[in-house]
Amino acid sequence: MAERKRWKQYLRAYEACLGATSTKIAPWHVVPADDKKNARLIVAEIILAVFRSLKMSYPKATAQRRRELRGIRRQLTK
């Protein structure tokens, strides 16, 4: 019961910790852990959102580089 009296202090410390360490480039995400299926779904959605925001694409290869890569592929499949 003595610890329950400190709940507001714990909550303030928790919020201060997240606020001090969560940045735009490395944010914290609070995910409920009492429902595993939904927790995993939330985490998957966060990861997908980050991947989409990266706007990744395959590198462009010159004709010469494509020929080199085909040669390497032939050597590897022998």
PDB file of N, CA and C in Angstrom:
ATOM      1  N   MET A   1       0.821  -1.192   0.000  1.00  0.00           N
ATOM      2  CA  MET A   1       0.000   0.000   0.000  1.00  0.00           C
ATOM      3  C   MET A   1       0.865   1.257   0.000  1.00  0.00           C
ATOM      4  N   ALA A   2       2.034   1.139   0.612  1.00  0.00           N
ATOM      5  CA  ALA A   2       2.904   2.316   0.663  1.00  0.00           C
ATOM      6  C   ALA A   2       3.353   2.716  -0.740  1.00  0.00           C
ATOM      7  N   GLU A   3       3.606   1.727  -1.583  1.00  0.00           N
ATOM      8  CA  GLU A   3       4.045   2.009  -2.954  1.00  0.00           C
ATOM      9  C   GLU A   3       2.929   2.636  -3.785  1.00  0.00           C
ATOM     10  N   ARG A   4       1.700   2.249  -3.535  1.00  0.00           N
ATOM     11  CA  ARG A   4       0.571   2.816  -4.279  1.00  0.00           C
ATOM     12  C   ARG A   4       0.465   4.323  -4.064  1.00  0.00           C
ATOM     13  N   LYS A   5       0.889   4.782  -2.914  1.00  0.00           N
ATOM     14  CA  LYS A   5       0.850   6.212  -2.627  1.00  0.00           C
ATOM     15  C   LYS A   5       1.802   6.990  -3.532  1.00  0.00           C
ATOM     16  N   ARG A   6       2.777   6.301  -4.086  1.00  0.00           N
ATOM     17  CA  ARG A   6       3.775   6.940  -4.956  1.00  0.00           C
ATOM     18  C   ARG A   6       3.429   6.816  -6.446  1.00  0.00           C
ATOM     19  N   TRP A   7       2.245   6.315  -6.765  1.00  0.00           N
ATOM     20  CA  TRP A   7       1.876   6.068  -8.155  1.00  0.00           C
ATOM     21  C   TRP A   7       2.028   7.306  -9.025  1.00  0.00           C
ATOM     22  N   LYS A   8       1.575   8.453  -8.559  1.00  0.00           N
ATOM     23  CA  LYS A   8       1.683   9.683  -9.343  1.00  0.00           C
ATOM     24  C   LYS A   8       3.145  10.033  -9.607  1.00  0.00           C
ATOM     25  N   GLN A   9       4.006   9.811  -8.633  1.00  0.00           N
ATOM     26  CA  GLN A   9       5.446  10.062  -8.826  1.00  0.00           C
ATOM     27  C   GLN A   9       6.022   9.113  -9.874  1.00  0.00           C
ATOM     28  N   TYR A  10       5.645   7.835  -9.800  1.00  0.00           N
ATOM     29  CA  TYR A  10       6.116   6.855 -10.779  1.00  0.00           C
ATOM     30  C   TYR A  10       5.661   7.241 -12.179  1.00  0.00           C
ATOM     31  N   LEU A  11       4.413   7.640 -12.301  1.00  0.00           N
ATOM     32  CA  LEU A  11       3.866   8.017 -13.590  1.00  0.00           C
ATOM     33  C   LEU A  11       4.587   9.231 -14.163  1.00  0.00           C
ATOM     34  N   ARG A  12       4.856  10.224 -13.319  1.00  0.00           N
ATOM     35  CA  ARG A  12       5.598  11.408 -13.781  1.00  0.00           C
ATOM     36  C   ARG A  12       7.002  11.028 -14.227  1.00  0.00           C
ATOM     37  N   ALA A  13       7.668  10.146 -13.480  1.00  0.00           N
ATOM     38  CA  ALA A  13       9.027   9.707 -13.849  1.00  0.00           C
ATOM     39  C   ALA A  13       9.011   8.941 -15.165  1.00  0.00           C
ATOM     40  N   TYR A  14       8.004   8.092 -15.349  1.00  0.00           N
ATOM     41  CA  TYR A  14       7.845   7.318 -16.584  1.00  0.00           C
ATOM     42  C   TYR A  14       7.653   8.257 -17.770  1.00  0.00           C
ATOM     43  N   GLU A  15       6.755   9.224 -17.634  1.00  0.00           N
ATOM     44  CA  GLU A  15       6.503  10.174 -18.711  1.00  0.00           C
ATOM     45  C   GLU A  15       7.734  11.034 -18.992  1.00  0.00           C
ATOM     46  N   ALA A  16       8.450  11.414 -17.961  1.00  0.00           N
ATOM     47  CA  ALA A  16       9.674  12.210 -18.144  1.00  0.00           C
ATOM     48  C   ALA A  16      10.728  11.399 -18.891  1.00  0.00           C
ATOM     49  N   CYS A  17      10.845  10.120 -18.552  1.00  0.00           N
ATOM     50  CA  CYS A  17      11.814   9.244 -19.222  1.00  0.00           C
ATOM     51  C   CYS A  17      11.486   9.117 -20.702  1.00  0.00           C
ATOM     52  N   LEU A  18      10.223   8.827 -21.011  1.00  0.00           N
ATOM     53  CA  LEU A  18       9.838   8.704 -22.418  1.00  0.00           C
ATOM     54  C   LEU A  18      10.016  10.028 -23.153  1.00  0.00           C
ATOM     55  N   GLY A  19       9.631  11.109 -22.521  1.00  0.00           N
ATOM     56  CA  GLY A  19       9.754  12.418 -23.143  1.00  0.00           C
ATOM     57  C   GLY A  19      11.190  12.812 -23.413  1.00  0.00           C
ATOM     58  N   ALA A  20      12.095  12.403 -22.544  1.00  0.00           N
ATOM     59  CA  ALA A  20      13.508  12.760 -22.695  1.00  0.00           C
ATOM     60  C   ALA A  20      14.236  11.880 -23.703  1.00  0.00           C
ATOM     61  N   THR A  21      13.738  10.676 -23.929  1.00  0.00           N
ATOM     62  CA  THR A  21      14.465   9.740 -24.799  1.00  0.00           C
ATOM     63  C   THR A  21      13.797   9.470 -26.134  1.00  0.00           C
ATOM     64  N   SER A  22      12.549   9.842 -26.281  1.00  0.00           N
ATOM     65  CA  SER A  22      11.845   9.625 -27.543  1.00  0.00           C
ATOM     66  C   SER A  22      12.088  10.820 -28.455  1.00  0.00           C
ATOM     67  N   THR A  23      12.645  10.547 -29.632  1.00  0.00           N
ATOM     68  CA  THR A  23      12.937  11.619 -30.581  1.00  0.00           C
ATOM     69  C   THR A  23      12.225  11.338 -31.890  1.00  0.00           C
ATOM     70  N   LYS A  24      12.221  12.314 -32.774  1.00  0.00           N
ATOM     71  CA  LYS A  24      11.570  12.122 -34.074  1.00  0.00           C
ATOM     72  C   LYS A  24      12.234  10.988 -34.857  1.00  0.00           C
ATOM     73  N   ILE A  25      13.548  10.894 -34.757  1.00  0.00           N
ATOM     74  CA  ILE A  25      14.272   9.869 -35.512  1.00  0.00           C
ATOM     75  C   ILE A  25      14.225   8.501 -34.815  1.00  0.00           C
ATOM     76  N   ALA A  26      14.012   8.493 -33.488  1.00  0.00           N
ATOM     77  CA  ALA A  26      13.950   7.235 -32.740  1.00  0.00           C
ATOM     78  C   ALA A  26      12.844   7.323 -31.695  1.00  0.00           C
ATOM     79  N   PRO A  27      11.589   7.250 -32.148  1.00  0.00           N
ATOM     80  CA  PRO A  27      10.478   7.420 -31.210  1.00  0.00           C
ATOM     81  C   PRO A  27      10.180   6.171 -30.395  1.00  0.00           C
ATOM     82  N   TRP A  28       9.619   6.384 -29.225  1.00  0.00           N
ATOM     83  CA  TRP A  28       9.083   5.294 -28.423  1.00  0.00           C
ATOM     84  C   TRP A  28       7.634   5.084 -28.845  1.00  0.00           C
ATOM     85  N   HIS A  29       7.183   3.853 -28.818  1.00  0.00           N
ATOM     86  CA  HIS A  29       5.786   3.528 -29.071  1.00  0.00           C
ATOM     87  C   HIS A  29       5.290   2.707 -27.896  1.00  0.00           C
ATOM     88  N   VAL A  30       4.244   3.164 -27.243  1.00  0.00           N
ATOM     89  CA  VAL A  30       3.673   2.432 -26.121  1.00  0.00           C
ATOM     90  C   VAL A  30       2.612   1.494 -26.682  1.00  0.00           C
ATOM     91  N   VAL A  31       2.830   0.202 -26.477  1.00  0.00           N
ATOM     92  CA  VAL A  31       1.950  -0.828 -27.033  1.00  0.00           C
ATOM     93  C   VAL A  31       1.375  -1.637 -25.877  1.00  0.00           C
ATOM     94  N   PRO A  32       0.054  -1.831 -25.848  1.00  0.00           N
ATOM     95  CA  PRO A  32      -0.530  -2.629 -24.762  1.00  0.00           C
ATOM     96  C   PRO A  32      -0.031  -4.072 -24.828  1.00  0.00           C
ATOM     97  N   ALA A  33       0.383  -4.597 -23.699  1.00  0.00           N
ATOM     98  CA  ALA A  33       0.949  -5.945 -23.675  1.00  0.00           C
ATOM     99  C   ALA A  33      -0.036  -6.993 -23.178  1.00  0.00           C
ATOM    100  N   ASP A  34      -1.236  -6.591 -22.786  1.00  0.00           N
ATOM    101  CA  ASP A  34      -2.180  -7.548 -22.233  1.00  0.00           C
ATOM    102  C   ASP A  34      -3.006  -8.264 -23.301  1.00  0.00           C
ATOM    103  N   ASP A  35      -2.783  -7.917 -24.562  1.00  0.00           N
ATOM    104  CA  ASP A  35      -3.484  -8.563 -25.675  1.00  0.00           C
ATOM    105  C   ASP A  35      -2.449  -8.824 -26.771  1.00  0.00           C
ATOM    106  N   LYS A  36      -1.868 -10.013 -26.764  1.00  0.00           N
ATOM    107  CA  LYS A  36      -0.740 -10.320 -27.647  1.00  0.00           C
ATOM    108  C   LYS A  36      -1.072 -10.131 -29.122  1.00  0.00           C
ATOM    109  N   LYS A  37      -2.248 -10.570 -29.565  1.00  0.00           N
ATOM    110  CA  LYS A  37      -2.589 -10.447 -30.981  1.00  0.00           C
ATOM    111  C   LYS A  37      -2.617  -8.986 -31.412  1.00  0.00           C
ATOM    112  N   ASN A  38      -3.283  -8.151 -30.632  1.00  0.00           N
ATOM    113  CA  ASN A  38      -3.344  -6.740 -30.993  1.00  0.00           C
ATOM    114  C   ASN A  38      -1.998  -6.051 -30.818  1.00  0.00           C
ATOM    115  N   ALA A  39      -1.229  -6.438 -29.816  1.00  0.00           N
ATOM    116  CA  ALA A  39       0.102  -5.852 -29.619  1.00  0.00           C
ATOM    117  C   ALA A  39       0.974  -6.139 -30.841  1.00  0.00           C
ATOM    118  N   ARG A  40       0.947  -7.371 -31.320  1.00  0.00           N
ATOM    119  CA  ARG A  40       1.743  -7.737 -32.497  1.00  0.00           C
ATOM    120  C   ARG A  40       1.254  -7.013 -33.750  1.00  0.00           C
ATOM    121  N   LEU A  41      -0.043  -6.850 -33.871  1.00  0.00           N
ATOM    122  CA  LEU A  41      -0.604  -6.122 -35.006  1.00  0.00           C
ATOM    123  C   LEU A  41      -0.150  -4.657 -34.981  1.00  0.00           C
ATOM    124  N   ILE A  42      -0.188  -4.049 -33.811  1.00  0.00           N
ATOM    125  CA  ILE A  42       0.244  -2.652 -33.678  1.00  0.00           C
ATOM    126  C   ILE A  42       1.714  -2.508 -34.038  1.00  0.00           C
ATOM    127  N   VAL A  43       2.544  -3.411 -33.540  1.00  0.00           N
ATOM    128  CA  VAL A  43       3.980  -3.356 -33.839  1.00  0.00           C
ATOM    129  C   VAL A  43       4.214  -3.547 -35.336  1.00  0.00           C
ATOM    130  N   ALA A  44       3.497  -4.487 -35.954  1.00  0.00           N
ATOM    131  CA  ALA A  44       3.643  -4.712 -37.391  1.00  0.00           C
ATOM    132  C   ALA A  44       3.251  -3.467 -38.178  1.00  0.00           C
ATOM    133  N   GLU A  45       2.178  -2.793 -37.765  1.00  0.00           N
ATOM    134  CA  GLU A  45       1.756  -1.569 -38.447  1.00  0.00           C
ATOM    135  C   GLU A  45       2.802  -0.464 -38.317  1.00  0.00           C
ATOM    136  N   ILE A  46       3.421  -0.357 -37.156  1.00  0.00           N
ATOM    137  CA  ILE A  46       4.472   0.648 -36.946  1.00  0.00           C
ATOM    138  C   ILE A  46       5.658   0.366 -37.871  1.00  0.00           C
ATOM    139  N   ILE A  47       6.067  -0.900 -37.934  1.00  0.00           N
ATOM    140  CA  ILE A  47       7.203  -1.273 -38.781  1.00  0.00           C
ATOM    141  C   ILE A  47       6.884  -1.005 -40.250  1.00  0.00           C
ATOM    142  N   LEU A  48       5.692  -1.389 -40.691  1.00  0.00           N
ATOM    143  CA  LEU A  48       5.312  -1.142 -42.086  1.00  0.00           C
ATOM    144  C   LEU A  48       5.285   0.351 -42.401  1.00  0.00           C
ATOM    145  N   ALA A  49       4.788   1.153 -41.479  1.00  0.00           N
ATOM    146  CA  ALA A  49       4.750   2.607 -41.695  1.00  0.00           C
ATOM    147  C   ALA A  49       6.162   3.167 -41.854  1.00  0.00           C
ATOM    148  N   VAL A  50       7.101   2.665 -41.058  1.00  0.00           N
ATOM    149  CA  VAL A  50       8.489   3.128 -41.168  1.00  0.00           C
ATOM    150  C   VAL A  50       9.070   2.706 -42.513  1.00  0.00           C
ATOM    151  N   PHE A  51       8.850   1.451 -42.918  1.00  0.00           N
ATOM    152  CA  PHE A  51       9.354   0.993 -44.219  1.00  0.00           C
ATOM    153  C   PHE A  51       8.792   1.839 -45.358  1.00  0.00           C
ATOM    154  N   ARG A  52       7.486   2.110 -45.314  1.00  0.00           N
ATOM    155  CA  ARG A  52       6.875   2.929 -46.368  1.00  0.00           C
ATOM    156  C   ARG A  52       7.458   4.332 -46.398  1.00  0.00           C
ATOM    157  N   SER A  53       7.758   4.884 -45.232  1.00  0.00           N
ATOM    158  CA  SER A  53       8.287   6.254 -45.175  1.00  0.00           C
ATOM    159  C   SER A  53       9.706   6.344 -45.729  1.00  0.00           C
ATOM    160  N   LEU A  54      10.408   5.224 -45.816  1.00  0.00           N
ATOM    161  CA  LEU A  54      11.780   5.233 -46.326  1.00  0.00           C
ATOM    162  C   LEU A  54      11.837   5.422 -47.835  1.00  0.00           C
ATOM    163  N   LYS A  55      10.733   5.139 -48.517  1.00  0.00           N
ATOM    164  CA  LYS A  55      10.654   5.289 -49.974  1.00  0.00           C
ATOM    165  C   LYS A  55      11.857   4.626 -50.667  1.00  0.00           C
ATOM    166  N   MET A  56      12.057   3.360 -50.324  1.00  0.00           N
ATOM    167  CA  MET A  56      13.177   2.616 -50.874  1.00  0.00           C
ATOM    168  C   MET A  56      12.909   2.212 -52.319  1.00  0.00           C
ATOM    169  N   SER A  57      13.972   2.034 -53.063  1.00  0.00           N
ATOM    170  CA  SER A  57      13.858   1.541 -54.436  1.00  0.00           C
ATOM    171  C   SER A  57      15.137   0.793 -54.778  1.00  0.00           C
ATOM    172  N   TYR A  58      15.039  -0.031 -55.794  1.00  0.00           N
ATOM    173  CA  TYR A  58      16.220  -0.757 -56.244  1.00  0.00           C
ATOM    174  C   TYR A  58      17.173   0.217 -56.923  1.00  0.00           C
ATOM    175  N   PRO A  59      18.466  -0.004 -56.776  1.00  0.00           N
ATOM    176  CA  PRO A  59      19.419   0.893 -57.452  1.00  0.00           C
ATOM    177  C   PRO A  59      19.357   0.704 -58.962  1.00  0.00           C
ATOM    178  N   LYS A  60      19.627   1.745 -59.687  1.00  0.00           N
ATOM    179  CA  LYS A  60      19.654   1.689 -61.144  1.00  0.00           C
ATOM    180  C   LYS A  60      20.995   1.092 -61.569  1.00  0.00           C
ATOM    181  N   ALA A  61      20.941   0.156 -62.501  1.00  0.00           N
ATOM    182  CA  ALA A  61      22.158  -0.487 -62.997  1.00  0.00           C
ATOM    183  C   ALA A  61      22.358  -0.127 -64.464  1.00  0.00           C
ATOM    184  N   THR A  62      23.590   0.127 -64.820  1.00  0.00           N
ATOM    185  CA  THR A  62      23.909   0.393 -66.217  1.00  0.00           C
ATOM    186  C   THR A  62      23.875  -0.924 -66.987  1.00  0.00           C
ATOM    187  N   ALA A  63      23.856  -0.829 -68.296  1.00  0.00           N
ATOM    188  CA  ALA A  63      23.863  -2.036 -69.134  1.00  0.00           C
ATOM    189  C   ALA A  63      25.114  -2.865 -68.854  1.00  0.00           C
ATOM    190  N   GLN A  64      26.248  -2.198 -68.688  1.00  0.00           N
ATOM    191  CA  GLN A  64      27.495  -2.918 -68.411  1.00  0.00           C
ATOM    192  C   GLN A  64      27.409  -3.657 -67.085  1.00  0.00           C
ATOM    193  N   ARG A  65      26.854  -3.012 -66.059  1.00  0.00           N
ATOM    194  CA  ARG A  65      26.741  -3.659 -64.752  1.00  0.00           C
ATOM    195  C   ARG A  65      25.783  -4.846 -64.819  1.00  0.00           C
ATOM    196  N   ARG A  66      24.702  -4.742 -65.575  1.00  0.00           N
ATOM    197  CA  ARG A  66      23.777  -5.868 -65.731  1.00  0.00           C
ATOM    198  C   ARG A  66      24.465  -7.058 -66.389  1.00  0.00           C
ATOM    199  N   ARG A  67      25.323  -6.792 -67.380  1.00  0.00           N
ATOM    200  CA  ARG A  67      26.084  -7.879 -68.006  1.00  0.00           C
ATOM    201  C   ARG A  67      27.012  -8.529 -66.980  1.00  0.00           C
ATOM    202  N   GLU A  68      27.685  -7.721 -66.181  1.00  0.00           N
ATOM    203  CA  GLU A  68      28.581  -8.267 -65.143  1.00  0.00           C
ATOM    204  C   GLU A  68      27.785  -9.140 -64.169  1.00  0.00           C
ATOM    205  N   LEU A  69      26.638  -8.672 -63.769  1.00  0.00           N
ATOM    206  CA  LEU A  69      25.822  -9.435 -62.820  1.00  0.00           C
ATOM    207  C   LEU A  69      25.321 -10.737 -63.427  1.00  0.00           C
ATOM    208  N   ARG A  70      24.955 -10.731 -64.708  1.00  0.00           N
ATOM    209  CA  ARG A  70      24.541 -11.974 -65.371  1.00  0.00           C
ATOM    210  C   ARG A  70      25.701 -12.961 -65.395  1.00  0.00           C
ATOM    211  N   GLY A  71      26.920 -12.475 -65.651  1.00  0.00           N
ATOM    212  CA  GLY A  71      28.092 -13.345 -65.632  1.00  0.00           C
ATOM    213  C   GLY A  71      28.325 -13.942 -64.253  1.00  0.00           C
ATOM    214  N   ILE A  72      28.164 -13.135 -63.224  1.00  0.00           N
ATOM    215  CA  ILE A  72      28.331 -13.625 -61.850  1.00  0.00           C
ATOM    216  C   ILE A  72      27.262 -14.670 -61.551  1.00  0.00           C
ATOM    217  N   ARG A  73      26.025 -14.424 -61.971  1.00  0.00           N
ATOM    218  CA  ARG A  73      24.956 -15.375 -61.748  1.00  0.00           C
ATOM    219  C   ARG A  73      25.253 -16.717 -62.422  1.00  0.00           C
ATOM    220  N   ARG A  74      25.761 -16.657 -63.658  1.00  0.00           N
ATOM    221  CA  ARG A  74      26.104 -17.891 -64.357  1.00  0.00           C
ATOM    222  C   ARG A  74      27.166 -18.676 -63.593  1.00  0.00           C
ATOM    223  N   GLN A  75      28.172 -17.989 -63.076  1.00  0.00           N
ATOM    224  CA  GLN A  75      29.223 -18.658 -62.312  1.00  0.00           C
ATOM    225  C   GLN A  75      28.671 -19.294 -61.046  1.00  0.00           C
ATOM    226  N   LEU A  76      27.737 -18.619 -60.392  1.00  0.00           N
ATOM    227  CA  LEU A  76      27.190 -19.130 -59.148  1.00  0.00           C
ATOM    228  C   LEU A  76      26.248 -20.318 -59.358  1.00  0.00           C
ATOM    229  N   THR A  77      25.644 -20.407 -60.518  1.00  0.00           N
ATOM    230  CA  THR A  77      24.680 -21.505 -60.756  1.00  0.00           C
ATOM    231  C   THR A  77      25.318 -22.722 -61.404  1.00  0.00           C
ATOM    232  N   LYS A  78      26.629 -22.707 -61.591  1.00  0.00           N
ATOM    233  CA  LYS A  78      27.315 -23.871 -62.172  1.00  0.00           C
ATOM    234  C   LYS A  78      27.440 -24.976 -61.140  1.00  0.00           C
TER     235      LYS A  78
END
